[in-house]
Amino acid sequence: MLSERLVKPWKLPKHKVYVFQNGNVIDTVTGNVRHKCTITVRRGLIASVEDDDAAKPPVEDATIIDLEGRFVCPGLIDCHVHLMAVPGFSDLGKAFSNDHDVSLLRQPYLCGQILGRGFTTVRDCGGALLALKEAIEDGVFPGPRLFISGHALSQTGGHGDTRGPHDRSQCCGGHTTGLGRLCDGVAECAKAVREEIRSGADFIKIMGGGGVSTPTDKIEHLQFTPEEIRTMSMCAANADTWVTAHAYTPEAIRHCVDNGARGIEHGNFVDAPTAKYMAEKGVFLTPTLITYAEMASPRWPNYLPPESVAKNQVVLQAGLQSLKIAADAGVTICYGTDLLGPLTVAQTREFALRSEVMSPLALLQTATINAAKLLRQETSLGQIQPGFKADILILEKNPLEDMTVFDHSSDFLVGIMKDGYLYKSKLGGIQEDIPIVSKILKPSL
Protein backbone atom coordinates (compact mmCIF):
# COMPACT_ATOMS: atom_id res chain seq x y z
CA MET A 1 0.00 0.00 0.00
CA LEU A 2 1.40 3.40 -0.99
CA SER A 3 2.37 5.72 1.83
CA GLU A 4 0.54 9.04 2.12
CA ARG A 5 3.86 10.83 1.63
CA LEU A 6 4.23 9.23 -1.82
CA VAL A 7 0.65 10.04 -2.78
CA LYS A 8 0.89 13.59 -1.44
CA PRO A 9 4.54 14.65 -1.68
CA TRP A 10 3.58 18.12 -0.39
CA LYS A 11 2.25 16.69 2.87
CA LEU A 12 3.17 18.91 5.82
CA PRO A 13 6.07 17.64 7.96
CA LYS A 14 5.65 16.26 11.44
CA HIS A 15 5.19 19.01 13.99
CA LYS A 16 8.20 20.00 16.05
CA VAL A 17 8.03 20.87 19.72
CA TYR A 18 8.88 24.55 20.12
CA VAL A 19 9.77 26.28 23.38
CA PHE A 20 9.82 30.08 23.18
CA GLN A 21 11.58 31.54 26.22
CA ASN A 22 11.84 35.08 27.58
CA GLY A 23 8.86 36.42 25.62
CA ASN A 24 6.45 39.21 26.50
CA VAL A 25 2.96 37.84 25.81
CA ILE A 26 0.18 40.26 24.83
CA ASP A 27 -3.21 39.44 26.36
CA THR A 28 -5.70 40.44 23.67
CA VAL A 29 -8.59 40.36 26.15
CA THR A 30 -7.21 42.71 28.81
CA GLY A 31 -4.40 44.51 26.99
CA ASN A 32 -1.94 43.48 29.68
CA VAL A 33 1.55 42.27 28.81
CA ARG A 34 2.80 39.21 30.65
CA HIS A 35 6.58 39.56 30.84
CA LYS A 36 9.28 36.87 30.75
CA CYS A 37 7.13 33.97 29.66
CA THR A 38 7.83 30.53 28.21
CA ILE A 39 5.42 29.34 25.52
CA THR A 40 5.50 25.64 24.62
CA VAL A 41 3.99 24.50 21.30
CA ARG A 42 3.16 20.84 20.61
CA ARG A 43 1.25 19.24 17.71
CA GLY A 44 0.19 22.60 16.37
CA LEU A 45 -1.32 23.85 19.62
CA ILE A 46 -0.15 26.09 22.43
CA ALA A 47 0.55 23.56 25.20
CA SER A 48 1.43 26.01 27.97
CA VAL A 49 2.17 29.63 28.79
CA GLU A 50 4.22 29.92 32.00
CA ASP A 51 6.45 32.37 33.78
CA ASP A 52 10.07 31.66 32.86
CA ASP A 53 11.09 30.85 36.42
CA ALA A 54 8.18 28.40 36.83
CA ALA A 55 8.41 26.69 33.43
CA LYS A 56 9.22 22.97 33.29
CA PRO A 57 12.52 21.96 31.66
CA PRO A 58 12.00 21.52 27.91
CA VAL A 59 11.86 18.00 26.49
CA GLU A 60 14.99 16.71 24.77
CA ASP A 61 13.83 17.07 21.18
CA ALA A 62 12.40 20.59 21.60
CA THR A 63 13.55 23.51 19.47
CA ILE A 64 14.36 26.19 22.04
CA ILE A 65 14.19 29.84 20.99
CA ASP A 66 15.24 32.71 23.23
CA LEU A 67 12.96 35.62 22.28
CA GLU A 68 15.17 38.07 24.18
CA GLY A 69 12.22 40.10 25.40
CA ARG A 70 10.39 40.31 22.07
CA PHE A 71 6.59 40.58 22.02
CA VAL A 72 4.29 37.65 21.32
CA CYS A 73 0.93 38.31 19.67
CA PRO A 74 -1.71 35.99 18.17
CA GLY A 75 -1.86 35.70 14.39
CA LEU A 76 -4.02 38.38 12.79
CA ILE A 77 -7.44 37.71 11.20
CA ASP A 78 -8.72 39.66 8.18
CA CYS A 79 -12.48 39.15 7.96
CA HIS A 80 -13.05 40.55 4.47
CA VAL A 81 -10.85 39.54 1.54
CA HIS A 82 -11.47 38.47 -2.07
CA LEU A 83 -8.69 36.11 -3.10
CA MET A 84 -10.03 35.71 -6.64
CA ALA A 85 -9.26 39.40 -7.37
CA VAL A 86 -5.54 38.81 -7.86
CA PRO A 87 -2.74 41.30 -8.63
CA GLY A 88 -1.51 41.72 -12.17
CA PHE A 89 -4.19 44.00 -13.59
CA SER A 90 -4.16 47.79 -13.76
CA ASP A 91 -7.90 48.37 -13.40
CA LEU A 92 -10.71 47.02 -11.29
CA GLY A 93 -12.73 45.60 -14.18
CA LYS A 94 -9.92 43.25 -15.14
CA ALA A 95 -9.35 42.22 -11.53
CA PHE A 96 -12.95 40.99 -11.35
CA SER A 97 -13.48 39.68 -14.86
CA ASN A 98 -10.10 38.04 -15.36
CA ASP A 99 -9.88 34.54 -16.75
CA HIS A 100 -10.63 31.90 -14.10
CA ASP A 101 -7.43 29.97 -14.79
CA VAL A 102 -5.29 33.11 -14.57
CA SER A 103 -6.85 33.98 -11.23
CA LEU A 104 -6.48 30.49 -9.82
CA LEU A 105 -2.80 30.25 -10.73
CA ARG A 106 -2.04 33.59 -9.06
CA GLN A 107 -3.95 32.95 -5.84
CA PRO A 108 -1.07 30.96 -4.23
CA TYR A 109 1.16 34.03 -4.63
CA LEU A 110 -1.49 36.24 -3.00
CA CYS A 111 -1.95 33.76 -0.14
CA GLY A 112 1.80 33.79 0.56
CA GLN A 113 1.81 37.58 0.66
CA ILE A 114 -1.09 37.65 3.13
CA LEU A 115 0.51 35.10 5.45
CA GLY A 116 3.80 37.00 5.26
CA ARG A 117 2.10 40.10 6.67
CA GLY A 118 1.04 38.18 9.77
CA PHE A 119 -2.53 37.26 8.78
CA THR A 120 -2.76 33.60 9.71
CA THR A 121 -6.54 33.48 9.08
CA VAL A 122 -8.77 35.21 6.54
CA ARG A 123 -12.47 35.16 5.76
CA ASP A 124 -13.11 35.30 2.01
CA CYS A 125 -16.38 37.09 1.26
CA GLY A 126 -16.82 35.99 -2.32
CA GLY A 127 -14.82 34.13 -4.95
CA ALA A 128 -12.46 31.73 -3.16
CA LEU A 129 -13.42 28.10 -3.66
CA LEU A 130 -13.01 24.92 -1.64
CA ALA A 131 -10.07 23.65 -3.72
CA LEU A 132 -7.96 26.64 -2.59
CA LYS A 133 -8.84 26.09 1.07
CA GLU A 134 -8.02 22.38 0.80
CA ALA A 135 -4.70 23.04 -0.96
CA ILE A 136 -3.52 25.28 1.89
CA GLU A 137 -4.73 22.81 4.52
CA ASP A 138 -2.89 19.98 2.73
CA GLY A 139 0.34 21.97 2.52
CA VAL A 140 0.49 22.35 -1.27
CA PHE A 141 1.58 25.95 -0.71
CA PRO A 142 1.73 28.35 2.27
CA GLY A 143 -1.24 30.55 3.02
CA PRO A 144 -3.60 31.69 5.75
CA ARG A 145 -6.33 29.50 7.17
CA LEU A 146 -9.44 30.13 5.05
CA PHE A 147 -13.10 30.55 5.93
CA ILE A 148 -15.00 30.89 2.67
CA SER A 149 -18.44 31.97 1.50
CA GLY A 150 -17.99 30.50 -1.96
CA HIS A 151 -19.85 32.85 -4.29
CA ALA A 152 -21.50 35.96 -2.85
CA LEU A 153 -25.24 35.88 -3.58
CA SER A 154 -26.73 38.76 -5.57
CA GLN A 155 -30.01 39.62 -7.21
CA THR A 156 -30.05 40.47 -10.90
CA GLY A 157 -28.69 44.01 -11.25
CA GLY A 158 -27.28 43.85 -7.72
CA HIS A 159 -23.79 44.23 -6.36
CA GLY A 160 -22.71 40.87 -7.73
CA ASP A 161 -23.92 41.52 -11.29
CA THR A 162 -21.02 42.91 -13.31
CA ARG A 163 -22.95 43.48 -16.56
CA GLY A 164 -23.13 47.06 -17.79
CA PRO A 165 -26.40 48.83 -18.62
CA HIS A 166 -26.05 48.09 -22.34
CA ASP A 167 -25.29 44.41 -21.87
CA ARG A 168 -28.39 42.55 -23.06
CA SER A 169 -27.06 39.08 -22.40
CA GLN A 170 -29.39 37.02 -20.26
CA CYS A 171 -28.43 35.18 -17.13
CA CYS A 172 -30.45 32.60 -15.35
CA GLY A 173 -30.68 31.65 -11.71
CA GLY A 174 -27.43 30.13 -10.51
CA HIS A 175 -25.28 32.02 -13.03
CA THR A 176 -21.87 32.76 -11.48
CA THR A 177 -19.69 35.79 -12.19
CA GLY A 178 -16.46 34.74 -10.48
CA LEU A 179 -17.17 36.60 -7.27
CA GLY A 180 -20.96 36.26 -7.25
CA ARG A 181 -23.93 34.01 -7.98
CA LEU A 182 -27.16 35.55 -9.26
CA CYS A 183 -30.45 34.41 -7.79
CA ASP A 184 -33.97 35.89 -7.86
CA GLY A 185 -37.05 34.75 -6.00
CA VAL A 186 -37.38 32.58 -2.92
CA ALA A 187 -36.79 29.26 -4.70
CA GLU A 188 -33.60 30.42 -6.46
CA CYS A 189 -32.27 32.00 -3.27
CA ALA A 190 -32.82 28.80 -1.28
CA LYS A 191 -31.11 26.74 -3.96
CA ALA A 192 -28.18 29.17 -4.16
CA VAL A 193 -27.51 28.88 -0.42
CA ARG A 194 -27.69 25.10 -0.61
CA GLU A 195 -25.34 25.04 -3.60
CA GLU A 196 -22.74 27.13 -1.80
CA ILE A 197 -22.96 24.98 1.33
CA ARG A 198 -22.73 21.82 -0.79
CA SER A 199 -19.61 23.30 -2.38
CA GLY A 200 -17.89 23.88 0.96
CA ALA A 201 -18.98 27.36 2.09
CA ASP A 202 -18.36 28.06 5.77
CA PHE A 203 -20.88 30.93 5.80
CA ILE A 204 -23.15 32.74 3.33
CA LYS A 205 -22.49 36.23 1.96
CA ILE A 206 -25.33 38.19 0.39
CA MET A 207 -25.47 41.58 -1.29
CA GLY A 208 -28.11 43.47 0.68
CA GLY A 209 -27.57 46.90 -0.87
CA GLY A 210 -25.79 48.80 -3.61
CA GLY A 211 -22.01 48.94 -3.97
CA VAL A 212 -19.11 50.92 -5.37
CA SER A 213 -17.62 48.56 -7.93
CA THR A 214 -20.70 47.41 -9.88
CA PRO A 215 -22.06 49.47 -12.78
CA THR A 216 -25.86 49.52 -12.51
CA ASP A 217 -26.82 49.68 -8.82
CA LYS A 218 -26.77 52.73 -6.58
CA ILE A 219 -25.43 52.88 -3.03
CA GLU A 220 -28.90 53.57 -1.62
CA HIS A 221 -30.57 50.61 -3.34
CA LEU A 222 -32.05 47.84 -1.21
CA GLN A 223 -31.39 44.43 -2.70
CA PHE A 224 -33.36 41.21 -2.30
CA THR A 225 -36.83 41.16 -0.78
CA PRO A 226 -37.43 40.47 2.92
CA GLU A 227 -38.76 37.03 1.99
CA GLU A 228 -35.62 36.24 -0.02
CA ILE A 229 -33.28 37.26 2.82
CA ARG A 230 -35.32 35.37 5.40
CA THR A 231 -35.16 32.28 3.21
CA MET A 232 -31.38 32.55 2.78
CA SER A 233 -30.90 33.10 6.52
CA MET A 234 -33.09 30.10 7.35
CA CYS A 235 -31.33 27.81 4.88
CA ALA A 236 -27.97 28.87 6.30
CA ALA A 237 -29.16 28.30 9.88
CA ASN A 238 -30.47 24.86 8.91
CA ALA A 239 -26.89 24.02 7.93
CA ASP A 240 -25.53 25.42 11.22
CA THR A 241 -24.06 28.51 9.62
CA TRP A 242 -25.02 32.16 9.13
CA VAL A 243 -25.50 35.02 6.69
CA THR A 244 -23.43 38.17 6.48
CA ALA A 245 -24.58 41.04 4.26
CA HIS A 246 -22.95 43.76 2.18
CA ALA A 247 -24.79 46.91 3.26
CA TYR A 248 -23.86 50.59 3.52
CA THR A 249 -26.95 52.55 4.56
CA PRO A 250 -29.06 52.33 7.73
CA GLU A 251 -31.99 51.18 5.58
CA ALA A 252 -29.96 48.38 4.00
CA ILE A 253 -28.48 47.34 7.34
CA ARG A 254 -31.90 47.07 8.99
CA HIS A 255 -33.31 45.35 5.89
CA CYS A 256 -30.73 42.59 6.34
CA VAL A 257 -30.61 42.35 10.14
CA ASP A 258 -34.42 42.34 10.43
CA ASN A 259 -34.46 39.29 8.17
CA GLY A 260 -31.76 37.23 9.81
CA ALA A 261 -28.30 38.51 8.84
CA ARG A 262 -25.73 38.01 11.62
CA GLY A 263 -23.03 40.21 10.12
CA ILE A 264 -22.78 43.47 8.17
CA GLU A 265 -19.93 44.25 5.79
CA HIS A 266 -18.82 47.90 5.35
CA GLY A 267 -21.68 49.82 7.01
CA ASN A 268 -20.21 53.20 6.03
CA PHE A 269 -23.40 55.19 6.58
CA VAL A 270 -24.57 53.58 9.82
CA ASP A 271 -26.29 56.06 12.15
CA ALA A 272 -26.47 55.97 15.95
CA PRO A 273 -29.93 54.35 16.25
CA THR A 274 -28.99 51.63 13.77
CA ALA A 275 -25.67 51.00 15.49
CA LYS A 276 -27.49 50.64 18.81
CA TYR A 277 -29.91 48.21 17.15
CA MET A 278 -26.97 46.16 15.82
CA ALA A 279 -25.37 46.03 19.26
CA GLU A 280 -28.64 44.88 20.85
CA LYS A 281 -29.01 42.14 18.22
CA GLY A 282 -25.40 40.99 18.59
CA VAL A 283 -24.65 41.74 14.95
CA PHE A 284 -20.99 41.92 13.89
CA LEU A 285 -19.71 44.83 11.78
CA THR A 286 -16.71 44.51 9.47
CA PRO A 287 -15.73 47.95 8.12
CA THR A 288 -13.26 48.09 5.22
CA LEU A 289 -11.95 51.65 5.17
CA ILE A 290 -8.63 51.01 3.46
CA THR A 291 -10.16 49.82 0.20
CA TYR A 292 -11.83 53.19 -0.44
CA ALA A 293 -8.71 55.10 0.59
CA GLU A 294 -6.55 53.08 -1.77
CA MET A 295 -8.97 53.29 -4.69
CA ALA A 296 -8.98 57.08 -4.27
CA SER A 297 -5.19 57.26 -3.96
CA PRO A 298 -3.07 58.82 -6.72
CA ARG A 299 -0.94 55.67 -6.50
CA TRP A 300 -3.65 53.89 -8.51
CA PRO A 301 -4.68 56.26 -11.33
CA ASN A 302 -7.66 55.08 -13.39
CA TYR A 303 -8.04 51.90 -11.32
CA LEU A 304 -11.75 52.59 -10.82
CA PRO A 305 -14.12 52.97 -13.79
CA PRO A 306 -15.66 56.47 -14.07
CA GLU A 307 -19.07 55.35 -12.79
CA SER A 308 -17.47 54.13 -9.54
CA VAL A 309 -15.23 57.12 -8.72
CA ALA A 310 -18.00 59.34 -7.32
CA LYS A 311 -19.53 56.48 -5.32
CA ASN A 312 -16.14 55.63 -3.84
CA GLN A 313 -15.57 59.21 -2.71
CA VAL A 314 -18.91 59.29 -0.89
CA VAL A 315 -18.31 56.09 1.08
CA LEU A 316 -14.69 57.07 1.84
CA GLN A 317 -15.76 60.33 3.49
CA ALA A 318 -18.36 58.54 5.63
CA GLY A 319 -16.13 55.68 6.76
CA LEU A 320 -14.33 56.97 9.84
CA GLN A 321 -17.41 58.62 11.31
CA SER A 322 -19.39 55.39 10.95
CA LEU A 323 -16.62 53.46 12.71
CA LYS A 324 -16.75 55.79 15.70
CA ILE A 325 -20.55 55.64 15.83
CA ALA A 326 -20.47 51.83 15.84
CA ALA A 327 -17.70 51.66 18.46
CA ASP A 328 -19.52 54.11 20.75
CA ALA A 329 -22.69 52.03 20.47
CA GLY A 330 -20.90 48.86 21.55
CA VAL A 331 -21.09 47.02 18.22
CA THR A 332 -18.60 44.14 17.94
CA ILE A 333 -16.24 45.35 15.21
CA CYS A 334 -13.98 43.09 13.17
CA TYR A 335 -10.96 43.81 10.97
CA GLY A 336 -11.54 43.79 7.22
CA THR A 337 -9.86 45.25 4.15
CA ASP A 338 -11.74 44.26 0.95
CA LEU A 339 -8.68 45.17 -1.14
CA LEU A 340 -8.73 44.01 -4.73
CA GLY A 341 -5.94 43.11 -7.13
CA PRO A 342 -2.63 44.92 -6.52
CA LEU A 343 -4.23 47.05 -3.78
CA THR A 344 -3.83 44.11 -1.36
CA VAL A 345 -0.31 45.39 -0.68
CA ALA A 346 -1.99 47.90 1.68
CA GLN A 347 -3.65 45.21 3.83
CA THR A 348 -2.10 46.35 7.12
CA ARG A 349 -2.89 50.04 6.55
CA GLU A 350 -6.41 49.53 7.87
CA PHE A 351 -4.80 49.68 11.33
CA ALA A 352 -3.48 53.19 10.72
CA LEU A 353 -6.84 54.45 9.43
CA ARG A 354 -8.82 53.01 12.34
CA SER A 355 -6.31 54.29 14.90
CA GLU A 356 -7.75 57.78 14.36
CA VAL A 357 -10.90 56.76 16.26
CA MET A 358 -10.00 53.54 18.13
CA SER A 359 -7.60 52.75 20.98
CA PRO A 360 -4.72 50.36 20.23
CA LEU A 361 -6.28 47.56 22.30
CA ALA A 362 -9.72 47.92 20.69
CA LEU A 363 -8.01 47.96 17.32
CA LEU A 364 -5.97 44.82 17.99
CA GLN A 365 -9.11 43.10 19.27
CA THR A 366 -10.84 43.68 15.93
CA ALA A 367 -8.20 41.45 14.29
CA THR A 368 -8.04 38.86 17.07
CA ILE A 369 -10.75 38.08 19.64
CA ASN A 370 -13.62 39.86 17.86
CA ALA A 371 -12.79 38.22 14.54
CA ALA A 372 -12.51 34.84 16.24
CA LYS A 373 -16.01 35.29 17.72
CA LEU A 374 -17.41 36.14 14.30
CA LEU A 375 -15.89 32.93 12.91
CA ARG A 376 -17.18 30.99 15.94
CA GLN A 377 -13.57 30.11 16.75
CA GLU A 378 -13.24 32.03 20.02
CA THR A 379 -11.91 28.95 21.87
CA SER A 380 -9.14 28.30 19.35
CA LEU A 381 -8.09 31.57 17.65
CA GLY A 382 -7.19 35.12 18.68
CA GLN A 383 -5.33 34.51 21.96
CA ILE A 384 -2.03 33.13 23.24
CA GLN A 385 -3.56 30.60 25.60
CA PRO A 386 -3.13 26.85 26.28
CA GLY A 387 -5.30 24.79 23.94
CA PHE A 388 -5.46 27.48 21.25
CA LYS A 389 -4.02 26.97 17.78
CA ALA A 390 -0.37 27.93 17.63
CA ASP A 391 -0.82 31.00 15.43
CA ILE A 392 1.92 33.22 16.81
CA LEU A 393 3.60 36.45 15.73
CA ILE A 394 6.95 37.51 17.18
CA LEU A 395 7.47 41.29 17.11
CA GLU A 396 10.36 43.59 17.94
CA LYS A 397 7.96 46.23 19.30
CA ASN A 398 4.73 46.19 21.29
CA PRO A 399 1.85 46.81 18.84
CA LEU A 400 -0.26 48.24 21.66
CA GLU A 401 2.18 51.15 21.73
CA ASP A 402 2.32 51.51 17.93
CA MET A 403 -0.08 49.55 15.71
CA THR A 404 1.79 50.64 12.58
CA VAL A 405 4.48 48.06 13.40
CA PHE A 406 2.44 45.72 11.20
CA ASP A 407 3.08 48.07 8.25
CA HIS A 408 6.80 47.37 8.62
CA SER A 409 6.85 43.58 8.65
CA SER A 410 10.40 43.32 7.29
CA ASP A 411 11.68 45.40 10.24
CA PHE A 412 9.50 44.38 13.19
CA LEU A 413 7.78 41.07 12.37
CA VAL A 414 10.57 38.55 12.96
CA GLY A 415 8.58 35.34 13.40
CA ILE A 416 5.35 33.93 11.96
CA MET A 417 3.91 30.61 13.13
CA LYS A 418 0.65 29.10 11.92
CA ASP A 419 -0.71 25.81 13.24
CA GLY A 420 2.61 25.18 14.95
CA TYR A 421 4.70 25.52 11.77
CA LEU A 422 7.27 28.28 11.52
CA TYR A 423 6.78 30.16 8.22
CA LYS A 424 9.09 33.11 8.92
CA SER A 425 12.10 33.25 11.20
CA LYS A 426 14.65 35.96 11.88
CA LEU A 427 15.30 34.38 15.26
CA GLY A 428 18.91 33.51 15.98
CA GLY A 429 19.56 31.16 13.10
CA ILE A 430 16.36 29.13 13.57
CA GLN A 431 15.21 27.93 10.16
CA GLU A 432 11.62 28.00 8.92
CA ASP A 433 9.69 24.73 8.76
CA ILE A 434 7.98 25.95 5.58
CA PRO A 435 9.42 29.17 4.15
CA ILE A 436 7.21 31.64 2.32
CA VAL A 437 8.91 31.70 -1.07
CA SER A 438 7.69 34.97 -2.56
CA LYS A 439 9.15 38.25 -1.34
CA ILE A 440 6.64 40.10 0.83
CA LEU A 441 5.87 43.50 -0.66
CA LYS A 442 5.86 46.53 1.61
CA PRO A 443 2.75 48.75 1.76
CA SER A 444 4.91 51.77 0.99
CA LEU A 445 5.49 50.56 -2.54
Foldseek 3Di string as FASTA:
>chain_A
DDDVCVVPVLAADAFAKEKEFQEFEAFLVPRDTDGGWIWIDHQQFTAAIGHRVPDDDDDPRYDYFYLVHFYKFFFFEAEEEALLQAADDQADVCSQQPDNVVSVVRSLVVQLLCVLLRHQEYEYQFQDFPVVQVCCVRRVGDGHRYQYQYAAEFEVLAAQHQDAPPDPDDDDQQDHRRGHGYADDQVSLLVVLVVSVVRPHQAYEYEQAHDQQHHRGDLHGGGDALNSLLSSQVSQVVVVHGYEYEHAALVSLCSNVVNGHQEYEANLHDDLVSLLVNQVSQHEYEHAQQQLVVVQDPVRPNRGPPSRVVVSVVSNVSHQVRVLSNVVSPHLYAYHHHHGHPLCLCRLVVLVVNVVRDQQSSSLCNGAQSVCVNSVNNQATRGSRRPHRPFMWTFRDDCNVPVCSSLVCVPTTAWTDGSSFTAGHPGDPDDGSHHSPDDHDHSVD
